[in-house]
Amino acid sequence: MGQTSDAADKNAFQPGAWHFVALIGGNVALALGPWLVRLADTGPVSAGFWRLLLPIPLIALFAWRERARHRIDGRIALLAVVAGIFFALDLASWHLGIERTRLGNATLFGNAGSVILMVWGLIALRRAPTRREGLGIAAALAGAAILLGRSLEISTQSALGDLFCVFAGICYAFYLLPAQKARARVGQWSVLLLVCMTAAPLLLAIALLMGEPVWPQDWTPLVALAISSQIVGQGLLVYSLGHFSPLIIGLALLTQPAIAAAVGWFAFGETLGALDIVGMILVGTALLLARTAKANPAR
């Protein structure tokens, strides 16, 4: 019976070389996001605003091509608007955290929405976690405690940055819930367009209220952020996700914090101790266990 199931799982996914390249390339592009946020000469929340605003014309073109196959009604539009509000809060909190903690920590905690969704699903189903789910939750809590403690040893600002990224992960989970419901009815580009059009002005308002500089002197990091995170990263992942099992997707998504940590080391001299590595492995294991339960799109 087990052999039959394994054979069925293998036959269900038949990725080619380009699908694998797209999967890895999408994760590399997304992992560069925190570095580009730091390079931007605007405020961190303002960088999120430009990340969403600049690609809107191209996303609108893709959404226009979907219009013949999908129709947006009031309920779908409302779901997308709610998703956009949480996405704005996610990006604002995550970008603030990126400025205050190590890039590896920011990427790990920013993707914690997978674990949160797993816990949310258990609460909704009103059942106890399975052994794998329990291990994932325990690993997430233990790894987060280690990383938060290590950040507190560096400075209270680093620990605050971790907390900003944890809050971003919570908001990301509540972005995914309505966004996935909307995507089940219409194309992903149509949903993404509505999300961007909702979240961009909210991010601008938050940046102005915080007194951040909005207009950049150097457009290069912001254009690169918009292209790499919102178009290349998301586009390649959308192209590749349907061709791999959740396990492979989960493993690939875990390359993001590794790449971000490497960038933090080379570009900003952010070193990792043995306990940092243990904490990252624990949180990474928790993310992998959550991803294999159900694959979710990354940032």
C-alpha atoms as a PDB file:
ATOM      1  CA  MET A   1       0.000   0.000   0.000  1.00  0.00           C
ATOM      2  CA  GLY A   2       2.821   2.377   0.919  1.00  0.00           C
ATOM      3  CA  GLN A   3       4.671   1.578  -2.319  1.00  0.00           C
ATOM      4  CA  THR A   4       1.551   2.297  -4.361  1.00  0.00           C
ATOM      5  CA  SER A   5       1.061   5.667  -2.648  1.00  0.00           C
ATOM      6  CA  ASP A   6       4.690   6.605  -3.191  1.00  0.00           C
ATOM      7  CA  ALA A   7       4.436   5.742  -6.878  1.00  0.00           C
ATOM      8  CA  ALA A   8       1.288   7.843  -7.229  1.00  0.00           C
ATOM      9  CA  ASP A   9       2.972  10.802  -5.536  1.00  0.00           C
ATOM     10  CA  LYS A  10       5.973  10.555  -7.872  1.00  0.00           C
ATOM     11  CA  ASN A  11       3.785  10.312 -10.964  1.00  0.00           C
ATOM     12  CA  ALA A  12       1.725  13.333  -9.886  1.00  0.00           C
ATOM     13  CA  PHE A  13       4.733  15.674 -10.266  1.00  0.00           C
ATOM     14  CA  GLN A  14       6.909  15.658 -13.385  1.00  0.00           C
ATOM     15  CA  PRO A  15       9.067  18.768 -13.233  1.00  0.00           C
ATOM     16  CA  GLY A  16      11.551  19.606 -15.927  1.00  0.00           C
ATOM     17  CA  ALA A  17      14.923  21.309 -15.571  1.00  0.00           C
ATOM     18  CA  TRP A  18      13.398  24.758 -16.158  1.00  0.00           C
ATOM     19  CA  HIS A  19      10.840  24.209 -13.398  1.00  0.00           C
ATOM     20  CA  PHE A  20      13.669  23.462 -10.954  1.00  0.00           C
ATOM     21  CA  VAL A  21      15.624  26.524 -12.126  1.00  0.00           C
ATOM     22  CA  ALA A  22      12.477  28.645 -11.686  1.00  0.00           C
ATOM     23  CA  LEU A  23      11.868  27.287  -8.179  1.00  0.00           C
ATOM     24  CA  ILE A  24      15.409  28.039  -7.008  1.00  0.00           C
ATOM     25  CA  GLY A  25      15.611  31.327  -8.921  1.00  0.00           C
ATOM     26  CA  GLY A  26      12.363  32.569  -7.392  1.00  0.00           C
ATOM     27  CA  ASN A  27      13.625  31.859  -3.886  1.00  0.00           C
ATOM     28  CA  VAL A  28      16.977  33.543  -4.566  1.00  0.00           C
ATOM     29  CA  ALA A  29      15.181  36.641  -5.883  1.00  0.00           C
ATOM     30  CA  LEU A  30      12.934  36.797  -2.813  1.00  0.00           C
ATOM     31  CA  ALA A  31      15.884  36.285  -0.447  1.00  0.00           C
ATOM     32  CA  LEU A  32      17.563  39.431  -1.813  1.00  0.00           C
ATOM     33  CA  GLY A  33      14.600  41.585  -0.722  1.00  0.00           C
ATOM     34  CA  PRO A  34      15.843  42.426   2.811  1.00  0.00           C
ATOM     35  CA  TRP A  35      19.258  43.456   1.460  1.00  0.00           C
ATOM     36  CA  LEU A  36      17.663  45.801  -1.091  1.00  0.00           C
ATOM     37  CA  VAL A  37      15.439  47.332   1.612  1.00  0.00           C
ATOM     38  CA  ARG A  38      18.579  48.231   3.567  1.00  0.00           C
ATOM     39  CA  LEU A  39      20.258  49.688   0.477  1.00  0.00           C
ATOM     40  CA  ALA A  40      17.292  51.973  -0.286  1.00  0.00           C
ATOM     41  CA  ASP A  41      17.768  55.618   0.730  1.00  0.00           C
ATOM     42  CA  THR A  42      14.084  55.960   1.595  1.00  0.00           C
ATOM     43  CA  GLY A  43      12.557  54.774   4.848  1.00  0.00           C
ATOM     44  CA  PRO A  44      11.877  51.027   5.171  1.00  0.00           C
ATOM     45  CA  VAL A  45       8.088  51.406   4.947  1.00  0.00           C
ATOM     46  CA  SER A  46       8.505  53.735   1.958  1.00  0.00           C
ATOM     47  CA  ALA A  47      10.553  51.007   0.275  1.00  0.00           C
ATOM     48  CA  GLY A  48       7.556  48.693   0.696  1.00  0.00           C
ATOM     49  CA  PHE A  49       5.340  51.326  -0.934  1.00  0.00           C
ATOM     50  CA  TRP A  50       7.592  51.543  -4.005  1.00  0.00           C
ATOM     51  CA  ARG A  51       7.925  47.754  -4.137  1.00  0.00           C
ATOM     52  CA  LEU A  52       4.158  47.498  -4.664  1.00  0.00           C
ATOM     53  CA  LEU A  53       3.579  50.653  -6.724  1.00  0.00           C
ATOM     54  CA  LEU A  54       6.254  50.283  -9.401  1.00  0.00           C
ATOM     55  CA  PRO A  55       5.143  46.860 -10.754  1.00  0.00           C
ATOM     56  CA  ILE A  56       1.414  47.752 -10.896  1.00  0.00           C
ATOM     57  CA  PRO A  57       1.398  48.542 -14.682  1.00  0.00           C
ATOM     58  CA  LEU A  58       2.941  45.151 -15.521  1.00  0.00           C
ATOM     59  CA  ILE A  59       0.719  43.281 -13.048  1.00  0.00           C
ATOM     60  CA  ALA A  60      -2.296  45.117 -14.506  1.00  0.00           C
ATOM     61  CA  LEU A  61      -1.305  43.881 -17.980  1.00  0.00           C
ATOM     62  CA  PHE A  62      -1.167  40.280 -16.727  1.00  0.00           C
ATOM     63  CA  ALA A  63      -4.507  40.749 -14.941  1.00  0.00           C
ATOM     64  CA  TRP A  64      -6.049  42.184 -18.133  1.00  0.00           C
ATOM     65  CA  ARG A  65      -5.030  39.008 -19.979  1.00  0.00           C
ATOM     66  CA  GLU A  66      -6.876  36.970 -17.325  1.00  0.00           C
ATOM     67  CA  ARG A  67     -10.112  38.942 -17.560  1.00  0.00           C
ATOM     68  CA  ALA A  68     -11.651  36.684 -20.251  1.00  0.00           C
ATOM     69  CA  ARG A  69     -11.312  33.601 -18.033  1.00  0.00           C
ATOM     70  CA  HIS A  70     -12.238  35.073 -14.660  1.00  0.00           C
ATOM     71  CA  ARG A  71     -14.814  37.541 -13.423  1.00  0.00           C
ATOM     72  CA  ILE A  72     -14.394  39.602 -10.242  1.00  0.00           C
ATOM     73  CA  ASP A  73     -17.522  40.104  -8.156  1.00  0.00           C
ATOM     74  CA  GLY A  74     -18.025  42.159  -4.996  1.00  0.00           C
ATOM     75  CA  ARG A  75     -17.167  39.302  -2.642  1.00  0.00           C
ATOM     76  CA  ILE A  76     -13.877  38.555  -4.406  1.00  0.00           C
ATOM     77  CA  ALA A  77     -12.970  42.256  -4.413  1.00  0.00           C
ATOM     78  CA  LEU A  78     -13.683  42.480  -0.668  1.00  0.00           C
ATOM     79  CA  LEU A  79     -11.504  39.439   0.053  1.00  0.00           C
ATOM     80  CA  ALA A  80      -8.674  40.977  -1.973  1.00  0.00           C
ATOM     81  CA  VAL A  81      -9.023  44.318  -0.144  1.00  0.00           C
ATOM     82  CA  VAL A  82      -8.878  42.585   3.254  1.00  0.00           C
ATOM     83  CA  ALA A  83      -5.813  40.661   2.062  1.00  0.00           C
ATOM     84  CA  GLY A  84      -4.263  43.957   0.912  1.00  0.00           C
ATOM     85  CA  ILE A  85      -4.740  45.540   4.348  1.00  0.00           C
ATOM     86  CA  PHE A  86      -2.955  42.677   6.083  1.00  0.00           C
ATOM     87  CA  PHE A  87      -0.255  42.635   3.397  1.00  0.00           C
ATOM     88  CA  ALA A  88       0.406  46.341   4.026  1.00  0.00           C
ATOM     89  CA  LEU A  89       0.753  45.677   7.765  1.00  0.00           C
ATOM     90  CA  ASP A  90       2.981  42.694   6.981  1.00  0.00           C
ATOM     91  CA  LEU A  91       5.366  44.634   4.752  1.00  0.00           C
ATOM     92  CA  ALA A  92       5.454  47.684   7.045  1.00  0.00           C
ATOM     93  CA  SER A  93       6.317  45.574  10.093  1.00  0.00           C
ATOM     94  CA  TRP A  94       8.739  43.316   8.199  1.00  0.00           C
ATOM     95  CA  HIS A  95      10.664  46.201   6.642  1.00  0.00           C
ATOM     96  CA  LEU A  96      10.938  47.914  10.027  1.00  0.00           C
ATOM     97  CA  GLY A  97      12.281  44.657  11.425  1.00  0.00           C
ATOM     98  CA  ILE A  98      14.799  44.278   8.577  1.00  0.00           C
ATOM     99  CA  GLU A  99      16.389  47.575   9.634  1.00  0.00           C
ATOM    100  CA  ARG A 100      16.752  46.400  13.243  1.00  0.00           C
ATOM    101  CA  THR A 101      17.814  42.735  13.176  1.00  0.00           C
ATOM    102  CA  ARG A 102      19.984  40.329  11.205  1.00  0.00           C
ATOM    103  CA  LEU A 103      18.838  39.469   7.690  1.00  0.00           C
ATOM    104  CA  GLY A 104      18.670  35.725   8.431  1.00  0.00           C
ATOM    105  CA  ASN A 105      16.418  36.309  11.440  1.00  0.00           C
ATOM    106  CA  ALA A 106      14.233  38.704   9.459  1.00  0.00           C
ATOM    107  CA  THR A 107      13.675  36.184   6.669  1.00  0.00           C
ATOM    108  CA  LEU A 108      12.963  33.293   9.053  1.00  0.00           C
ATOM    109  CA  PHE A 109      10.494  35.181  11.229  1.00  0.00           C
ATOM    110  CA  GLY A 110       8.947  36.948   8.251  1.00  0.00           C
ATOM    111  CA  ASN A 111       8.014  33.554   6.779  1.00  0.00           C
ATOM    112  CA  ALA A 112       6.566  32.282  10.065  1.00  0.00           C
ATOM    113  CA  GLY A 113       3.088  32.567   8.555  1.00  0.00           C
ATOM    114  CA  SER A 114       3.282  28.883   7.575  1.00  0.00           C
ATOM    115  CA  VAL A 115       3.533  27.755  11.198  1.00  0.00           C
ATOM    116  CA  ILE A 116       0.840  30.228  12.236  1.00  0.00           C
ATOM    117  CA  LEU A 117      -1.483  28.909   9.517  1.00  0.00           C
ATOM    118  CA  MET A 118      -0.868  25.365  10.730  1.00  0.00           C
ATOM    119  CA  VAL A 119      -1.833  26.347  14.300  1.00  0.00           C
ATOM    120  CA  TRP A 120      -4.831  28.314  12.989  1.00  0.00           C
ATOM    121  CA  GLY A 121      -5.972  25.268  11.023  1.00  0.00           C
ATOM    122  CA  LEU A 122      -5.811  23.076  14.129  1.00  0.00           C
ATOM    123  CA  ILE A 123      -7.876  25.585  16.088  1.00  0.00           C
ATOM    124  CA  ALA A 124     -10.449  25.778  13.280  1.00  0.00           C
ATOM    125  CA  LEU A 125     -10.680  21.982  13.103  1.00  0.00           C
ATOM    126  CA  ARG A 126     -10.858  21.737  16.915  1.00  0.00           C
ATOM    127  CA  ARG A 127      -8.447  18.847  17.114  1.00  0.00           C
ATOM    128  CA  ALA A 128      -5.141  18.081  18.774  1.00  0.00           C
ATOM    129  CA  PRO A 129      -1.996  18.299  16.624  1.00  0.00           C
ATOM    130  CA  THR A 130      -0.503  15.169  15.112  1.00  0.00           C
ATOM    131  CA  ARG A 131       3.012  14.124  16.086  1.00  0.00           C
ATOM    132  CA  ARG A 132       4.536  15.966  13.120  1.00  0.00           C
ATOM    133  CA  GLU A 133       2.474  19.090  13.777  1.00  0.00           C
ATOM    134  CA  GLY A 134       3.376  19.018  17.468  1.00  0.00           C
ATOM    135  CA  LEU A 135       7.065  18.711  16.589  1.00  0.00           C
ATOM    136  CA  GLY A 136       6.756  21.654  14.217  1.00  0.00           C
ATOM    137  CA  ILE A 137       5.121  23.887  16.815  1.00  0.00           C
ATOM    138  CA  ALA A 138       7.668  22.887  19.475  1.00  0.00           C
ATOM    139  CA  ALA A 139      10.585  23.499  17.096  1.00  0.00           C
ATOM    140  CA  ALA A 140       9.192  26.909  16.144  1.00  0.00           C
ATOM    141  CA  LEU A 141       8.823  27.988  19.777  1.00  0.00           C
ATOM    142  CA  ALA A 142      12.253  26.681  20.793  1.00  0.00           C
ATOM    143  CA  GLY A 143      14.030  28.196  17.789  1.00  0.00           C
ATOM    144  CA  ALA A 144      12.266  31.543  18.191  1.00  0.00           C
ATOM    145  CA  ALA A 145      13.189  31.660  21.888  1.00  0.00           C
ATOM    146  CA  ILE A 146      16.856  30.992  21.079  1.00  0.00           C
ATOM    147  CA  LEU A 147      17.010  33.605  18.306  1.00  0.00           C
ATOM    148  CA  LEU A 148      15.168  36.224  20.362  1.00  0.00           C
ATOM    149  CA  GLY A 149      17.488  35.575  23.314  1.00  0.00           C
ATOM    150  CA  ARG A 150      20.569  35.875  21.116  1.00  0.00           C
ATOM    151  CA  SER A 151      19.270  39.125  19.608  1.00  0.00           C
ATOM    152  CA  LEU A 152      18.633  40.495  23.103  1.00  0.00           C
ATOM    153  CA  GLU A 153      22.272  39.731  23.948  1.00  0.00           C
ATOM    154  CA  ILE A 154      23.320  41.928  21.015  1.00  0.00           C
ATOM    155  CA  SER A 155      20.939  44.814  21.769  1.00  0.00           C
ATOM    156  CA  THR A 156      17.335  45.532  22.648  1.00  0.00           C
ATOM    157  CA  GLN A 157      16.975  47.001  19.149  1.00  0.00           C
ATOM    158  CA  SER A 158      17.838  43.637  17.567  1.00  0.00           C
ATOM    159  CA  ALA A 159      15.252  41.886  19.745  1.00  0.00           C
ATOM    160  CA  LEU A 160      12.698  44.558  18.784  1.00  0.00           C
ATOM    161  CA  GLY A 161      13.508  43.890  15.126  1.00  0.00           C
ATOM    162  CA  ASP A 162      12.813  40.183  15.645  1.00  0.00           C
ATOM    163  CA  LEU A 163       9.449  41.019  17.220  1.00  0.00           C
ATOM    164  CA  PHE A 164       8.557  43.273  14.275  1.00  0.00           C
ATOM    165  CA  CYS A 165       9.303  40.334  11.953  1.00  0.00           C
ATOM    166  CA  VAL A 166       7.261  37.906  14.083  1.00  0.00           C
ATOM    167  CA  PHE A 167       4.313  40.320  13.900  1.00  0.00           C
ATOM    168  CA  ALA A 168       4.874  40.498  10.135  1.00  0.00           C
ATOM    169  CA  GLY A 169       4.621  36.707   9.999  1.00  0.00           C
ATOM    170  CA  ILE A 170       1.272  36.867  11.831  1.00  0.00           C
ATOM    171  CA  CYS A 171      -0.035  39.494   9.402  1.00  0.00           C
ATOM    172  CA  TYR A 172       1.249  37.435   6.461  1.00  0.00           C
ATOM    173  CA  ALA A 173      -0.813  34.463   7.618  1.00  0.00           C
ATOM    174  CA  PHE A 174      -3.940  36.619   7.709  1.00  0.00           C
ATOM    175  CA  TYR A 175      -3.042  37.982   4.275  1.00  0.00           C
ATOM    176  CA  LEU A 176      -2.855  34.458   2.862  1.00  0.00           C
ATOM    177  CA  LEU A 177      -6.247  33.321   4.201  1.00  0.00           C
ATOM    178  CA  PRO A 178      -8.436  35.773   2.209  1.00  0.00           C
ATOM    179  CA  ALA A 179      -5.975  35.884  -0.695  1.00  0.00           C
ATOM    180  CA  GLN A 180      -6.148  32.121  -1.197  1.00  0.00           C
ATOM    181  CA  LYS A 181      -9.958  32.200  -1.099  1.00  0.00           C
ATOM    182  CA  ALA A 182      -9.953  34.904  -3.757  1.00  0.00           C
ATOM    183  CA  ARG A 183      -7.392  33.052  -5.879  1.00  0.00           C
ATOM    184  CA  ALA A 184      -9.638  29.990  -5.891  1.00  0.00           C
ATOM    185  CA  ARG A 185     -12.199  32.049  -7.860  1.00  0.00           C
ATOM    186  CA  VAL A 186     -10.071  34.323 -10.062  1.00  0.00           C
ATOM    187  CA  GLY A 187      -6.546  34.410 -11.477  1.00  0.00           C
ATOM    188  CA  GLN A 188      -3.566  35.160  -9.276  1.00  0.00           C
ATOM    189  CA  TRP A 189      -2.601  38.328 -11.162  1.00  0.00           C
ATOM    190  CA  SER A 190      -6.064  39.826 -10.704  1.00  0.00           C
ATOM    191  CA  VAL A 191      -5.881  39.191  -6.968  1.00  0.00           C
ATOM    192  CA  LEU A 192      -2.325  40.504  -6.774  1.00  0.00           C
ATOM    193  CA  LEU A 193      -3.369  43.684  -8.603  1.00  0.00           C
ATOM    194  CA  LEU A 194      -6.167  44.375  -6.107  1.00  0.00           C
ATOM    195  CA  VAL A 195      -3.830  43.594  -3.210  1.00  0.00           C
ATOM    196  CA  CYS A 196      -1.164  45.995  -4.516  1.00  0.00           C
ATOM    197  CA  MET A 197      -3.700  48.760  -5.179  1.00  0.00           C
ATOM    198  CA  THR A 198      -4.996  48.408  -1.609  1.00  0.00           C
ATOM    199  CA  ALA A 199      -1.680  47.991   0.196  1.00  0.00           C
ATOM    200  CA  ALA A 200       0.411  50.636  -1.630  1.00  0.00           C
ATOM    201  CA  PRO A 201      -1.554  53.730  -0.441  1.00  0.00           C
ATOM    202  CA  LEU A 202      -1.729  52.298   3.087  1.00  0.00           C
ATOM    203  CA  LEU A 203       2.052  51.902   3.155  1.00  0.00           C
ATOM    204  CA  LEU A 204       2.458  55.456   1.875  1.00  0.00           C
ATOM    205  CA  ALA A 205       0.175  56.746   4.648  1.00  0.00           C
ATOM    206  CA  ILE A 206       2.130  54.807   7.306  1.00  0.00           C
ATOM    207  CA  ALA A 207       5.457  56.105   5.941  1.00  0.00           C
ATOM    208  CA  LEU A 208       4.224  59.714   5.988  1.00  0.00           C
ATOM    209  CA  LEU A 209       2.831  59.366   9.511  1.00  0.00           C
ATOM    210  CA  MET A 210       6.219  58.039  10.647  1.00  0.00           C
ATOM    211  CA  GLY A 211       7.997  60.957   8.978  1.00  0.00           C
ATOM    212  CA  GLU A 212      10.017  58.741   6.651  1.00  0.00           C
ATOM    213  CA  PRO A 213      11.700  60.043   3.501  1.00  0.00           C
ATOM    214  CA  VAL A 214       9.608  58.761   0.593  1.00  0.00           C
ATOM    215  CA  TRP A 215      11.166  60.113  -2.607  1.00  0.00           C
ATOM    216  CA  PRO A 216      14.484  58.359  -3.329  1.00  0.00           C
ATOM    217  CA  GLN A 217      17.696  59.909  -4.601  1.00  0.00           C
ATOM    218  CA  ASP A 218      18.837  56.556  -5.987  1.00  0.00           C
ATOM    219  CA  TRP A 219      16.117  54.493  -7.689  1.00  0.00           C
ATOM    220  CA  THR A 220      18.313  51.422  -8.292  1.00  0.00           C
ATOM    221  CA  PRO A 221      17.592  49.469  -5.048  1.00  0.00           C
ATOM    222  CA  LEU A 222      13.840  50.194  -5.248  1.00  0.00           C
ATOM    223  CA  VAL A 223      13.513  49.178  -8.896  1.00  0.00           C
ATOM    224  CA  ALA A 224      15.537  46.045  -8.164  1.00  0.00           C
ATOM    225  CA  LEU A 225      13.305  45.330  -5.137  1.00  0.00           C
ATOM    226  CA  ALA A 226      10.118  45.727  -7.165  1.00  0.00           C
ATOM    227  CA  ILE A 227      11.396  43.518  -9.984  1.00  0.00           C
ATOM    228  CA  SER A 228      13.058  40.830  -7.852  1.00  0.00           C
ATOM    229  CA  SER A 229      10.443  40.462  -5.110  1.00  0.00           C
ATOM    230  CA  GLN A 230       7.160  41.313  -6.781  1.00  0.00           C
ATOM    231  CA  ILE A 231       7.657  40.174 -10.384  1.00  0.00           C
ATOM    232  CA  VAL A 232      10.585  37.744 -10.718  1.00  0.00           C
ATOM    233  CA  GLY A 233      10.305  36.062  -7.313  1.00  0.00           C
ATOM    234  CA  GLN A 234       6.534  35.704  -7.273  1.00  0.00           C
ATOM    235  CA  GLY A 235       6.342  35.022 -11.012  1.00  0.00           C
ATOM    236  CA  LEU A 236       8.886  32.189 -10.953  1.00  0.00           C
ATOM    237  CA  LEU A 237       7.288  30.618  -7.901  1.00  0.00           C
ATOM    238  CA  VAL A 238       3.827  30.743  -9.469  1.00  0.00           C
ATOM    239  CA  TYR A 239       5.295  29.099 -12.589  1.00  0.00           C
ATOM    240  CA  SER A 240       7.026  26.307 -10.648  1.00  0.00           C
ATOM    241  CA  LEU A 241       4.762  25.537  -7.663  1.00  0.00           C
ATOM    242  CA  GLY A 242       2.387  23.214  -9.494  1.00  0.00           C
ATOM    243  CA  HIS A 243       5.218  20.930 -10.629  1.00  0.00           C
ATOM    244  CA  PHE A 244       6.713  19.938  -7.254  1.00  0.00           C
ATOM    245  CA  SER A 245       5.545  18.127  -4.155  1.00  0.00           C
ATOM    246  CA  PRO A 246       5.027  20.215  -0.984  1.00  0.00           C
ATOM    247  CA  LEU A 247       8.175  18.628   0.513  1.00  0.00           C
ATOM    248  CA  ILE A 248      10.399  19.904  -2.319  1.00  0.00           C
ATOM    249  CA  ILE A 249       8.732  23.328  -2.198  1.00  0.00           C
ATOM    250  CA  GLY A 250       9.291  23.491   1.551  1.00  0.00           C
ATOM    251  CA  LEU A 251      12.958  22.567   1.206  1.00  0.00           C
ATOM    252  CA  ALA A 252      13.453  25.143  -1.558  1.00  0.00           C
ATOM    253  CA  LEU A 253      11.785  27.887   0.453  1.00  0.00           C
ATOM    254  CA  LEU A 254      14.248  27.240   3.286  1.00  0.00           C
ATOM    255  CA  THR A 255      17.063  28.449   1.013  1.00  0.00           C
ATOM    256  CA  GLN A 256      15.793  32.003   1.591  1.00  0.00           C
ATOM    257  CA  PRO A 257      17.028  32.458   5.182  1.00  0.00           C
ATOM    258  CA  ALA A 258      20.336  30.782   4.292  1.00  0.00           C
ATOM    259  CA  ILE A 259      20.886  33.197   1.392  1.00  0.00           C
ATOM    260  CA  ALA A 260      19.776  36.175   3.502  1.00  0.00           C
ATOM    261  CA  ALA A 261      22.175  35.171   6.302  1.00  0.00           C
ATOM    262  CA  ALA A 262      25.019  34.884   3.776  1.00  0.00           C
ATOM    263  CA  VAL A 263      24.216  38.348   2.383  1.00  0.00           C
ATOM    264  CA  GLY A 264      24.123  39.738   5.926  1.00  0.00           C
ATOM    265  CA  TRP A 265      27.560  38.242   6.582  1.00  0.00           C
ATOM    266  CA  PHE A 266      29.181  39.508   3.369  1.00  0.00           C
ATOM    267  CA  ALA A 267      27.493  42.920   3.121  1.00  0.00           C
ATOM    268  CA  PHE A 268      26.989  43.909   6.765  1.00  0.00           C
ATOM    269  CA  GLY A 269      29.370  41.733   8.789  1.00  0.00           C
ATOM    270  CA  GLU A 270      26.523  39.944  10.598  1.00  0.00           C
ATOM    271  CA  THR A 271      28.074  36.856  12.168  1.00  0.00           C
ATOM    272  CA  LEU A 272      26.217  33.787  13.431  1.00  0.00           C
ATOM    273  CA  GLY A 273      27.218  31.848  16.526  1.00  0.00           C
ATOM    274  CA  ALA A 274      26.538  28.178  17.234  1.00  0.00           C
ATOM    275  CA  LEU A 275      23.314  28.980  19.123  1.00  0.00           C
ATOM    276  CA  ASP A 276      22.119  31.204  16.256  1.00  0.00           C
ATOM    277  CA  ILE A 277      22.587  28.296  13.853  1.00  0.00           C
ATOM    278  CA  VAL A 278      20.724  25.933  16.207  1.00  0.00           C
ATOM    279  CA  GLY A 279      17.844  28.418  16.477  1.00  0.00           C
ATOM    280  CA  MET A 280      17.686  28.872  12.698  1.00  0.00           C
ATOM    281  CA  ILE A 281      17.685  25.105  12.160  1.00  0.00           C
ATOM    282  CA  LEU A 282      14.809  24.692  14.634  1.00  0.00           C
ATOM    283  CA  VAL A 283      12.712  27.454  13.057  1.00  0.00           C
ATOM    284  CA  GLY A 284      13.623  26.169   9.581  1.00  0.00           C
ATOM    285  CA  THR A 285      12.510  22.668  10.575  1.00  0.00           C
ATOM    286  CA  ALA A 286       9.215  24.081  11.826  1.00  0.00           C
ATOM    287  CA  LEU A 287       8.683  25.937   8.541  1.00  0.00           C
ATOM    288  CA  LEU A 288       9.463  22.787   6.569  1.00  0.00           C
ATOM    289  CA  LEU A 289       6.986  20.718   8.602  1.00  0.00           C
ATOM    290  CA  ALA A 290       4.333  23.386   8.084  1.00  0.00           C
ATOM    291  CA  ARG A 291       5.064  23.681   4.366  1.00  0.00           C
ATOM    292  CA  THR A 292       4.801  19.936   3.799  1.00  0.00           C
ATOM    293  CA  ALA A 293       1.342  20.042   5.349  1.00  0.00           C
ATOM    294  CA  LYS A 294       0.274  22.654   2.815  1.00  0.00           C
ATOM    295  CA  ALA A 295       2.435  24.649   0.421  1.00  0.00           C
ATOM    296  CA  ASN A 296       1.979  28.425   0.639  1.00  0.00           C
ATOM    297  CA  PRO A 297       3.380  31.181  -1.540  1.00  0.00           C
ATOM    298  CA  ALA A 298       6.323  33.134  -0.181  1.00  0.00           C
ATOM    299  CA  ARG A 299       6.858  36.851  -0.212  1.00  0.00           C
END
